[in-house]
PDB file of all heavy atoms in Angstrom:
ATOM      1  N   ALA A   1      49.308  14.423  22.450  1.00  0.00           N
ATOM      2  CA  ALA A   1      49.688  14.479  21.043  1.00  0.00           C
ATOM      3  C   ALA A   1      50.110  13.112  20.528  1.00  0.00           C
ATOM      4  O   ALA A   1      50.413  12.969  19.342  1.00  0.00           O
ATOM      5  CB  ALA A   1      50.835  15.473  20.864  1.00  0.00           C
ATOM      6  N   PHE A   2      50.082  12.117  21.404  1.00  0.00           N
ATOM      7  CA  PHE A   2      50.536  10.785  21.024  1.00  0.00           C
ATOM      8  C   PHE A   2      49.349   9.835  20.887  1.00  0.00           C
ATOM      9  O   PHE A   2      48.344   9.964  21.592  1.00  0.00           O
ATOM     10  CB  PHE A   2      51.543  10.263  22.062  1.00  0.00           C
ATOM     11  CG  PHE A   2      52.774  11.109  22.127  1.00  0.00           C
ATOM     12  CD1 PHE A   2      52.879  12.149  23.027  1.00  0.00           C
ATOM     13  CD2 PHE A   2      53.818  10.890  21.249  1.00  0.00           C
ATOM     14  CE1 PHE A   2      53.998  12.958  23.076  1.00  0.00           C
ATOM     15  CE2 PHE A   2      54.951  11.688  21.284  1.00  0.00           C
ATOM     16  CZ  PHE A   2      55.046  12.722  22.195  1.00  0.00           C
ATOM     17  N   PRO A   3      49.434   8.857  19.977  1.00  0.00           N
ATOM     18  CA  PRO A   3      48.281   8.014  19.652  1.00  0.00           C
ATOM     19  C   PRO A   3      47.905   7.061  20.775  1.00  0.00           C
ATOM     20  O   PRO A   3      48.754   6.615  21.547  1.00  0.00           O
ATOM     21  CB  PRO A   3      48.748   7.236  18.425  1.00  0.00           C
ATOM     22  CG  PRO A   3      50.242   7.204  18.541  1.00  0.00           C
ATOM     23  CD  PRO A   3      50.621   8.521  19.164  1.00  0.00           C
ATOM     24  N   ARG A   4      46.627   6.754  20.833  1.00  0.00           N
ATOM     25  CA  ARG A   4      46.111   5.826  21.828  1.00  0.00           C
ATOM     26  C   ARG A   4      46.442   4.385  21.432  1.00  0.00           C
ATOM     27  O   ARG A   4      46.344   4.004  20.259  1.00  0.00           O
ATOM     28  CB  ARG A   4      44.595   5.978  21.963  1.00  0.00           C
ATOM     29  CG  ARG A   4      43.956   4.988  22.919  1.00  0.00           C
ATOM     30  CD  ARG A   4      42.435   5.018  22.818  1.00  0.00           C
ATOM     31  NE  ARG A   4      41.846   3.935  23.595  1.00  0.00           N
ATOM     32  CZ  ARG A   4      41.334   4.091  24.801  1.00  0.00           C
ATOM     33  NH1 ARG A   4      41.316   5.276  25.367  1.00  0.00           N
ATOM     34  NH2 ARG A   4      40.826   3.060  25.450  1.00  0.00           N
ATOM     35  N   ALA A   5      46.806   3.585  22.426  1.00  0.00           N
ATOM     36  CA  ALA A   5      47.045   2.157  22.230  1.00  0.00           C
ATOM     37  C   ALA A   5      46.011   1.378  23.039  1.00  0.00           C
ATOM     38  O   ALA A   5      45.916   1.555  24.250  1.00  0.00           O
ATOM     39  CB  ALA A   5      48.452   1.780  22.676  1.00  0.00           C
ATOM     40  N   ASP A   6      45.219   0.558  22.373  1.00  0.00           N
ATOM     41  CA  ASP A   6      44.282  -0.320  23.065  1.00  0.00           C
ATOM     42  C   ASP A   6      45.020  -1.610  23.434  1.00  0.00           C
ATOM     43  O   ASP A   6      45.620  -2.262  22.571  1.00  0.00           O
ATOM     44  CB  ASP A   6      43.080  -0.643  22.180  1.00  0.00           C
ATOM     45  CG  ASP A   6      42.169   0.569  21.999  1.00  0.00           C
ATOM     46  OD1 ASP A   6      42.190   1.452  22.878  1.00  0.00           O
ATOM     47  OD2 ASP A   6      41.463   0.627  20.981  1.00  0.00           O
ATOM     48  N   LEU A   7      44.963  -1.979  24.711  1.00  0.00           N
ATOM     49  CA  LEU A   7      45.720  -3.125  25.217  1.00  0.00           C
ATOM     50  C   LEU A   7      44.797  -4.261  25.617  1.00  0.00           C
ATOM     51  O   LEU A   7      43.681  -4.037  26.083  1.00  0.00           O
ATOM     52  CB  LEU A   7      46.554  -2.702  26.434  1.00  0.00           C
ATOM     53  CG  LEU A   7      47.550  -1.568  26.234  1.00  0.00           C
ATOM     54  CD1 LEU A   7      48.246  -1.231  27.550  1.00  0.00           C
ATOM     55  CD2 LEU A   7      48.571  -1.916  25.156  1.00  0.00           C
ATOM     56  N   ALA A   8      45.284  -5.475  25.443  1.00  0.00           N
ATOM     57  CA  ALA A   8      44.537  -6.658  25.879  1.00  0.00           C
ATOM     58  C   ALA A   8      45.531  -7.745  26.268  1.00  0.00           C
ATOM     59  O   ALA A   8      46.567  -7.917  25.611  1.00  0.00           O
ATOM     60  CB  ALA A   8      43.611  -7.159  24.781  1.00  0.00           C
ATOM     61  N   LEU A   9      45.210  -8.481  27.326  1.00  0.00           N
ATOM     62  CA  LEU A   9      46.035  -9.600  27.766  1.00  0.00           C
ATOM     63  C   LEU A   9      45.452 -10.871  27.173  1.00  0.00           C
ATOM     64  O   LEU A   9      44.265 -11.148  27.323  1.00  0.00           O
ATOM     65  CB  LEU A   9      46.037  -9.684  29.294  1.00  0.00           C
ATOM     66  CG  LEU A   9      47.133 -10.536  29.944  1.00  0.00           C
ATOM     67  CD1 LEU A   9      48.507  -9.965  29.656  1.00  0.00           C
ATOM     68  CD2 LEU A   9      46.910 -10.629  31.443  1.00  0.00           C
ATOM     69  N   VAL A  10      46.280 -11.635  26.492  1.00  0.00           N
ATOM     70  CA  VAL A  10      45.806 -12.848  25.812  1.00  0.00           C
ATOM     71  C   VAL A  10      46.659 -14.038  26.234  1.00  0.00           C
ATOM     72  O   VAL A  10      47.798 -13.895  26.667  1.00  0.00           O
ATOM     73  CB  VAL A  10      45.848 -12.687  24.277  1.00  0.00           C
ATOM     74  CG1 VAL A  10      44.914 -11.564  23.832  1.00  0.00           C
ATOM     75  CG2 VAL A  10      47.268 -12.418  23.794  1.00  0.00           C
ATOM     76  N   PHE A  11      46.059 -15.236  26.082  1.00  0.00           N
ATOM     77  CA  PHE A  11      46.745 -16.488  26.410  1.00  0.00           C
ATOM     78  C   PHE A  11      46.707 -17.403  25.202  1.00  0.00           C
ATOM     79  O   PHE A  11      45.805 -17.287  24.365  1.00  0.00           O
ATOM     80  CB  PHE A  11      46.058 -17.179  27.594  1.00  0.00           C
ATOM     81  CG  PHE A  11      46.258 -16.489  28.907  1.00  0.00           C
ATOM     82  CD1 PHE A  11      45.501 -15.383  29.249  1.00  0.00           C
ATOM     83  CD2 PHE A  11      47.221 -16.936  29.798  1.00  0.00           C
ATOM     84  CE1 PHE A  11      45.684 -14.729  30.449  1.00  0.00           C
ATOM     85  CE2 PHE A  11      47.420 -16.289  31.007  1.00  0.00           C
ATOM     86  CZ  PHE A  11      46.649 -15.181  31.334  1.00  0.00           C
ATOM     87  N   PRO A  12      47.672 -18.332  25.096  1.00  0.00           N
ATOM     88  CA  PRO A  12      47.612 -19.313  24.003  1.00  0.00           C
ATOM     89  C   PRO A  12      46.277 -20.058  24.013  1.00  0.00           C
ATOM     90  O   PRO A  12      45.666 -20.243  25.065  1.00  0.00           O
ATOM     91  CB  PRO A  12      48.782 -20.252  24.313  1.00  0.00           C
ATOM     92  CG  PRO A  12      49.731 -19.426  25.127  1.00  0.00           C
ATOM     93  CD  PRO A  12      48.873 -18.505  25.936  1.00  0.00           C
ATOM     94  N   ASP A  13      45.833 -20.451  22.856  1.00  0.00           N
ATOM     95  CA  ASP A  13      44.536 -21.124  22.735  1.00  0.00           C
ATOM     96  C   ASP A  13      44.422 -22.304  23.684  1.00  0.00           C
ATOM     97  O   ASP A  13      45.318 -23.147  23.772  1.00  0.00           O
ATOM     98  CB  ASP A  13      44.323 -21.620  21.296  1.00  0.00           C
ATOM     99  CG  ASP A  13      44.110 -20.481  20.318  1.00  0.00           C
ATOM    100  OD1 ASP A  13      43.787 -19.379  20.788  1.00  0.00           O
ATOM    101  OD2 ASP A  13      44.278 -20.702  19.110  1.00  0.00           O
ATOM    102  N   GLY A  14      43.311 -22.342  24.397  1.00  0.00           N
ATOM    103  CA  GLY A  14      43.025 -23.476  25.255  1.00  0.00           C
ATOM    104  C   GLY A  14      43.642 -23.414  26.626  1.00  0.00           C
ATOM    105  O   GLY A  14      43.393 -24.282  27.457  1.00  0.00           O
ATOM    106  N   GLU A  15      44.452 -22.400  26.891  1.00  0.00           N
ATOM    107  CA  GLU A  15      45.061 -22.301  28.214  1.00  0.00           C
ATOM    108  C   GLU A  15      44.198 -21.460  29.141  1.00  0.00           C
ATOM    109  O   GLU A  15      43.642 -20.447  28.729  1.00  0.00           O
ATOM    110  CB  GLU A  15      46.458 -21.673  28.121  1.00  0.00           C
ATOM    111  CG  GLU A  15      47.481 -22.604  27.508  1.00  0.00           C
ATOM    112  CD  GLU A  15      48.888 -22.083  27.709  1.00  0.00           C
ATOM    113  OE1 GLU A  15      49.081 -21.238  28.604  1.00  0.00           O
ATOM    114  OE2 GLU A  15      49.776 -22.529  26.969  1.00  0.00           O
ATOM    115  N   PRO A  16      44.088 -21.848  30.403  1.00  0.00           N
ATOM    116  CA  PRO A  16      43.309 -21.042  31.349  1.00  0.00           C
ATOM    117  C   PRO A  16      44.052 -19.770  31.705  1.00  0.00           C
ATOM    118  O   PRO A  16      45.279 -19.742  31.714  1.00  0.00           O
ATOM    119  CB  PRO A  16      43.189 -21.952  32.573  1.00  0.00           C
ATOM    120  CG  PRO A  16      44.411 -22.815  32.508  1.00  0.00           C
ATOM    121  CD  PRO A  16      44.654 -23.052  31.027  1.00  0.00           C
ATOM    122  N   SER A  17      43.304 -18.720  31.977  1.00  0.00           N
ATOM    123  CA  SER A  17      43.909 -17.488  32.462  1.00  0.00           C
ATOM    124  C   SER A  17      44.205 -17.658  33.946  1.00  0.00           C
ATOM    125  O   SER A  17      43.935 -18.702  34.541  1.00  0.00           O
ATOM    126  CB  SER A  17      42.956 -16.313  32.250  1.00  0.00           C
ATOM    127  OG  SER A  17      41.830 -16.456  33.094  1.00  0.00           O
ATOM    128  N   GLU A  18      44.740 -16.597  34.586  1.00  0.00           N
ATOM    129  CA  GLU A  18      45.104 -16.686  36.000  1.00  0.00           C
ATOM    130  C   GLU A  18      43.939 -17.123  36.871  1.00  0.00           C
ATOM    131  O   GLU A  18      44.129 -17.823  37.857  1.00  0.00           O
ATOM    132  CB  GLU A  18      45.615 -15.326  36.502  1.00  0.00           C
ATOM    133  CG  GLU A  18      46.923 -14.879  35.865  1.00  0.00           C
ATOM    134  CD  GLU A  18      46.668 -13.967  34.690  1.00  0.00           C
ATOM    135  OE1 GLU A  18      45.577 -14.039  34.094  1.00  0.00           O
ATOM    136  OE2 GLU A  18      47.554 -13.177  34.361  1.00  0.00           O
ATOM    137  N   CYS A  19      42.734 -16.712  36.514  1.00  0.00           N
ATOM    138  CA  CYS A  19      41.570 -16.954  37.368  1.00  0.00           C
ATOM    139  C   CYS A  19      40.646 -18.011  36.789  1.00  0.00           C
ATOM    140  O   CYS A  19      39.530 -18.200  37.267  1.00  0.00           O
ATOM    141  CB  CYS A  19      40.801 -15.642  37.579  1.00  0.00           C
ATOM    142  SG  CYS A  19      41.801 -14.358  38.360  1.00  0.00           S
ATOM    143  N   ASP A  20      41.082 -18.711  35.763  1.00  0.00           N
ATOM    144  CA  ASP A  20      40.207 -19.660  35.077  1.00  0.00           C
ATOM    145  C   ASP A  20      40.729 -21.082  35.239  1.00  0.00           C
ATOM    146  O   ASP A  20      41.438 -21.611  34.384  1.00  0.00           O
ATOM    147  CB  ASP A  20      40.097 -19.293  33.592  1.00  0.00           C
ATOM    148  CG  ASP A  20      39.137 -20.209  32.834  1.00  0.00           C
ATOM    149  OD1 ASP A  20      38.359 -20.926  33.481  1.00  0.00           O
ATOM    150  OD2 ASP A  20      39.193 -20.193  31.596  1.00  0.00           O
ATOM    151  N   ALA A  21      40.374 -21.698  36.355  1.00  0.00           N
ATOM    152  CA  ALA A  21      40.660 -23.114  36.601  1.00  0.00           C
ATOM    153  C   ALA A  21      42.143 -23.451  36.503  1.00  0.00           C
ATOM    154  O   ALA A  21      42.505 -24.535  36.035  1.00  0.00           O
ATOM    155  CB  ALA A  21      39.855 -23.985  35.631  1.00  0.00           C
ATOM    156  N   LEU A  22      43.002 -22.553  36.951  1.00  0.00           N
ATOM    157  CA  LEU A  22      44.429 -22.838  36.884  1.00  0.00           C
ATOM    158  C   LEU A  22      44.800 -24.015  37.773  1.00  0.00           C
ATOM    159  O   LEU A  22      45.618 -24.869  37.390  1.00  0.00           O
ATOM    160  CB  LEU A  22      45.240 -21.602  37.279  1.00  0.00           C
ATOM    161  CG  LEU A  22      46.766 -21.771  37.277  1.00  0.00           C
ATOM    162  CD1 LEU A  22      47.269 -22.207  35.912  1.00  0.00           C
ATOM    163  CD2 LEU A  22      47.443 -20.473  37.719  1.00  0.00           C
ATOM    164  N   ALA A  23      44.209 -24.095  38.958  1.00  0.00           N
ATOM    165  CA  ALA A  23      44.522 -25.201  39.863  1.00  0.00           C
ATOM    166  C   ALA A  23      44.229 -26.538  39.211  1.00  0.00           C
ATOM    167  O   ALA A  23      45.029 -27.480  39.287  1.00  0.00           O
ATOM    168  CB  ALA A  23      43.717 -25.056  41.154  1.00  0.00           C
ATOM    169  N   MET A  24      43.079 -26.633  38.543  1.00  0.00           N
ATOM    170  CA  MET A  24      42.723 -27.888  37.869  1.00  0.00           C
ATOM    171  C   MET A  24      43.676 -28.174  36.718  1.00  0.00           C
ATOM    172  O   MET A  24      44.097 -29.318  36.506  1.00  0.00           O
ATOM    173  CB  MET A  24      41.282 -27.821  37.362  1.00  0.00           C
ATOM    174  CG  MET A  24      40.786 -29.114  36.731  1.00  0.00           C
ATOM    175  SD  MET A  24      39.035 -29.017  36.257  1.00  0.00           S
ATOM    176  CE  MET A  24      38.272 -28.844  37.885  1.00  0.00           C
ATOM    177  N   ALA A  25      44.032 -27.138  35.966  1.00  0.00           N
ATOM    178  CA  ALA A  25      44.924 -27.335  34.830  1.00  0.00           C
ATOM    179  C   ALA A  25      46.288 -27.831  35.287  1.00  0.00           C
ATOM    180  O   ALA A  25      46.866 -28.738  34.678  1.00  0.00           O
ATOM    181  CB  ALA A  25      45.073 -26.024  34.061  1.00  0.00           C
ATOM    182  N   LEU A  26      46.811 -27.265  36.382  1.00  0.00           N
ATOM    183  CA  LEU A  26      48.112 -27.706  36.879  1.00  0.00           C
ATOM    184  C   LEU A  26      48.057 -29.159  37.329  1.00  0.00           C
ATOM    185  O   LEU A  26      48.972 -29.943  37.075  1.00  0.00           O
ATOM    186  CB  LEU A  26      48.563 -26.798  38.025  1.00  0.00           C
ATOM    187  CG  LEU A  26      48.917 -25.361  37.660  1.00  0.00           C
ATOM    188  CD1 LEU A  26      49.179 -24.540  38.923  1.00  0.00           C
ATOM    189  CD2 LEU A  26      50.137 -25.306  36.737  1.00  0.00           C
ATOM    190  N   SER A  27      46.980 -29.511  38.020  1.00  0.00           N
ATOM    191  CA  SER A  27      46.849 -30.869  38.534  1.00  0.00           C
ATOM    192  C   SER A  27      46.663 -31.893  37.421  1.00  0.00           C
ATOM    193  O   SER A  27      47.295 -32.952  37.423  1.00  0.00           O
ATOM    194  CB  SER A  27      45.662 -30.930  39.508  1.00  0.00           C
ATOM    195  OG  SER A  27      45.463 -32.244  39.968  1.00  0.00           O
ATOM    196  N   GLN A  28      45.809 -31.566  36.463  1.00  0.00           N
ATOM    197  CA  GLN A  28      45.458 -32.534  35.427  1.00  0.00           C
ATOM    198  C   GLN A  28      46.528 -32.668  34.343  1.00  0.00           C
ATOM    199  O   GLN A  28      46.572 -33.691  33.647  1.00  0.00           O
ATOM    200  CB  GLN A  28      44.129 -32.151  34.790  1.00  0.00           C
ATOM    201  CG  GLN A  28      42.937 -32.298  35.724  1.00  0.00           C
ATOM    202  CD  GLN A  28      41.616 -31.953  35.059  1.00  0.00           C
ATOM    203  OE1 GLN A  28      41.586 -31.375  33.968  1.00  0.00           O
ATOM    204  NE2 GLN A  28      40.522 -32.312  35.720  1.00  0.00           N
ATOM    205  N   ASN A  29      47.365 -31.651  34.204  1.00  0.00           N
ATOM    206  CA  ASN A  29      48.314 -31.643  33.081  1.00  0.00           C
ATOM    207  C   ASN A  29      49.745 -31.924  33.496  1.00  0.00           C
ATOM    208  O   ASN A  29      50.675 -31.575  32.782  1.00  0.00           O
ATOM    209  CB  ASN A  29      48.247 -30.290  32.363  1.00  0.00           C
ATOM    210  CG  ASN A  29      46.925 -30.066  31.671  1.00  0.00           C
ATOM    211  OD1 ASN A  29      46.276 -31.009  31.221  1.00  0.00           O
ATOM    212  ND2 ASN A  29      46.513 -28.806  31.583  1.00  0.00           N
ATOM    213  N   ARG A  30      49.926 -32.564  34.643  1.00  0.00           N
ATOM    214  CA  ARG A  30      51.300 -32.838  35.079  1.00  0.00           C
ATOM    215  C   ARG A  30      52.033 -33.756  34.104  1.00  0.00           C
ATOM    216  O   ARG A  30      53.224 -33.567  33.845  1.00  0.00           O
ATOM    217  CB  ARG A  30      51.295 -33.469  36.475  1.00  0.00           C
ATOM    218  CG  ARG A  30      50.922 -32.479  37.577  1.00  0.00           C
ATOM    219  CD  ARG A  30      50.750 -33.174  38.909  1.00  0.00           C
ATOM    220  NE  ARG A  30      50.134 -32.273  39.891  1.00  0.00           N
ATOM    221  CZ  ARG A  30      49.425 -32.691  40.926  1.00  0.00           C
ATOM    222  NH1 ARG A  30      49.266 -34.002  41.139  1.00  0.00           N
ATOM    223  NH2 ARG A  30      48.885 -31.820  41.761  1.00  0.00           N
ATOM    224  N   ARG A  31      51.334 -34.743  33.554  1.00  0.00           N
ATOM    225  CA  ARG A  31      51.989 -35.659  32.618  1.00  0.00           C
ATOM    226  C   ARG A  31      52.460 -34.906  31.368  1.00  0.00           C
ATOM    227  O   ARG A  31      53.575 -35.101  30.894  1.00  0.00           O
ATOM    228  CB  ARG A  31      51.028 -36.785  32.231  1.00  0.00           C
ATOM    229  CG  ARG A  31      51.684 -37.887  31.376  1.00  0.00           C
ATOM    230  CD  ARG A  31      50.680 -38.989  31.082  1.00  0.00           C
ATOM    231  NE  ARG A  31      50.217 -39.627  32.304  1.00  0.00           N
ATOM    232  CZ  ARG A  31      50.856 -40.626  32.907  1.00  0.00           C
ATOM    233  NH1 ARG A  31      51.990 -41.091  32.394  1.00  0.00           N
ATOM    234  NH2 ARG A  31      50.375 -41.161  34.001  1.00  0.00           N
ATOM    235  N   ARG A  32      51.577 -34.023  30.852  1.00  0.00           N
ATOM    236  CA  ARG A  32      51.963 -33.227  29.685  1.00  0.00           C
ATOM    237  C   ARG A  32      53.130 -32.306  30.023  1.00  0.00           C
ATOM    238  O   ARG A  32      54.098 -32.173  29.260  1.00  0.00           O
ATOM    239  CB  ARG A  32      50.766 -32.394  29.215  1.00  0.00           C
ATOM    240  CG  ARG A  32      51.041 -31.522  27.994  1.00  0.00           C
ATOM    241  CD  ARG A  32      49.992 -30.434  27.836  1.00  0.00           C
ATOM    242  NE  ARG A  32      50.027 -29.475  28.936  1.00  0.00           N
ATOM    243  CZ  ARG A  32      49.312 -28.353  28.957  1.00  0.00           C
ATOM    244  NH1 ARG A  32      48.488 -28.078  27.964  1.00  0.00           N
ATOM    245  NH2 ARG A  32      49.404 -27.531  29.987  1.00  0.00           N
ATOM    246  N   ASP A  33      53.059 -31.647  31.174  1.00  0.00           N
ATOM    247  CA  ASP A  33      54.129 -30.737  31.591  1.00  0.00           C
ATOM    248  C   ASP A  33      55.434 -31.498  31.814  1.00  0.00           C
ATOM    249  O   ASP A  33      56.528 -30.990  31.534  1.00  0.00           O
ATOM    250  CB  ASP A  33      53.730 -30.005  32.871  1.00  0.00           C
ATOM    251  CG  ASP A  33      52.601 -29.006  32.644  1.00  0.00           C
ATOM    252  OD1 ASP A  33      52.194 -28.827  31.481  1.00  0.00           O
ATOM    253  OD2 ASP A  33      52.118 -28.422  33.638  1.00  0.00           O
ATOM    254  N   MET A  34      55.312 -32.746  32.318  1.00  0.00           N
ATOM    255  CA  MET A  34      56.503 -33.559  32.555  1.00  0.00           C
ATOM    256  C   MET A  34      57.202 -33.871  31.240  1.00  0.00           C
ATOM    257  O   MET A  34      58.434 -33.843  31.140  1.00  0.00           O
ATOM    258  CB  MET A  34      56.118 -34.848  33.286  1.00  0.00           C
ATOM    259  CG  MET A  34      57.286 -35.590  33.915  1.00  0.00           C
ATOM    260  SD  MET A  34      56.730 -37.003  34.895  1.00  0.00           S
ATOM    261  CE  MET A  34      55.864 -36.167  36.248  1.00  0.00           C
ATOM    262  N   ALA A  35      56.412 -34.130  30.197  1.00  0.00           N
ATOM    263  CA  ALA A  35      56.991 -34.409  28.882  1.00  0.00           C
ATOM    264  C   ALA A  35      57.694 -33.172  28.329  1.00  0.00           C
ATOM    265  O   ALA A  35      58.729 -33.269  27.664  1.00  0.00           O
ATOM    266  CB  ALA A  35      55.905 -34.879  27.922  1.00  0.00           C
ATOM    267  N   ALA A  36      57.132 -32.004  28.618  1.00  0.00           N
ATOM    268  CA  ALA A  36      57.725 -30.762  28.130  1.00  0.00           C
ATOM    269  C   ALA A  36      58.872 -30.287  29.023  1.00  0.00           C
ATOM    270  O   ALA A  36      59.718 -29.501  28.586  1.00  0.00           O
ATOM    271  CB  ALA A  36      56.660 -29.671  28.054  1.00  0.00           C
ATOM    272  N   GLY A  37      58.875 -30.747  30.283  1.00  0.00           N
ATOM    273  CA  GLY A  37      59.904 -30.323  31.221  1.00  0.00           C
ATOM    274  C   GLY A  37      59.669 -28.943  31.795  1.00  0.00           C
ATOM    275  O   GLY A  37      60.577 -28.353  32.393  1.00  0.00           O
TER     276      GLY A  37
END
C-alpha cells in the first residue's frame, strides 16, 4: 500500500565511482587533496 521509490547512487560531477579508476584518482590528485586537507 506504500509508494515505490526508485533509487540511484550518484557521485559529484567528475568524480570516479568505487570501481572507476579510484586508484588513479587517489594517486594523481594528492596535491588537490592536500590543499583541501
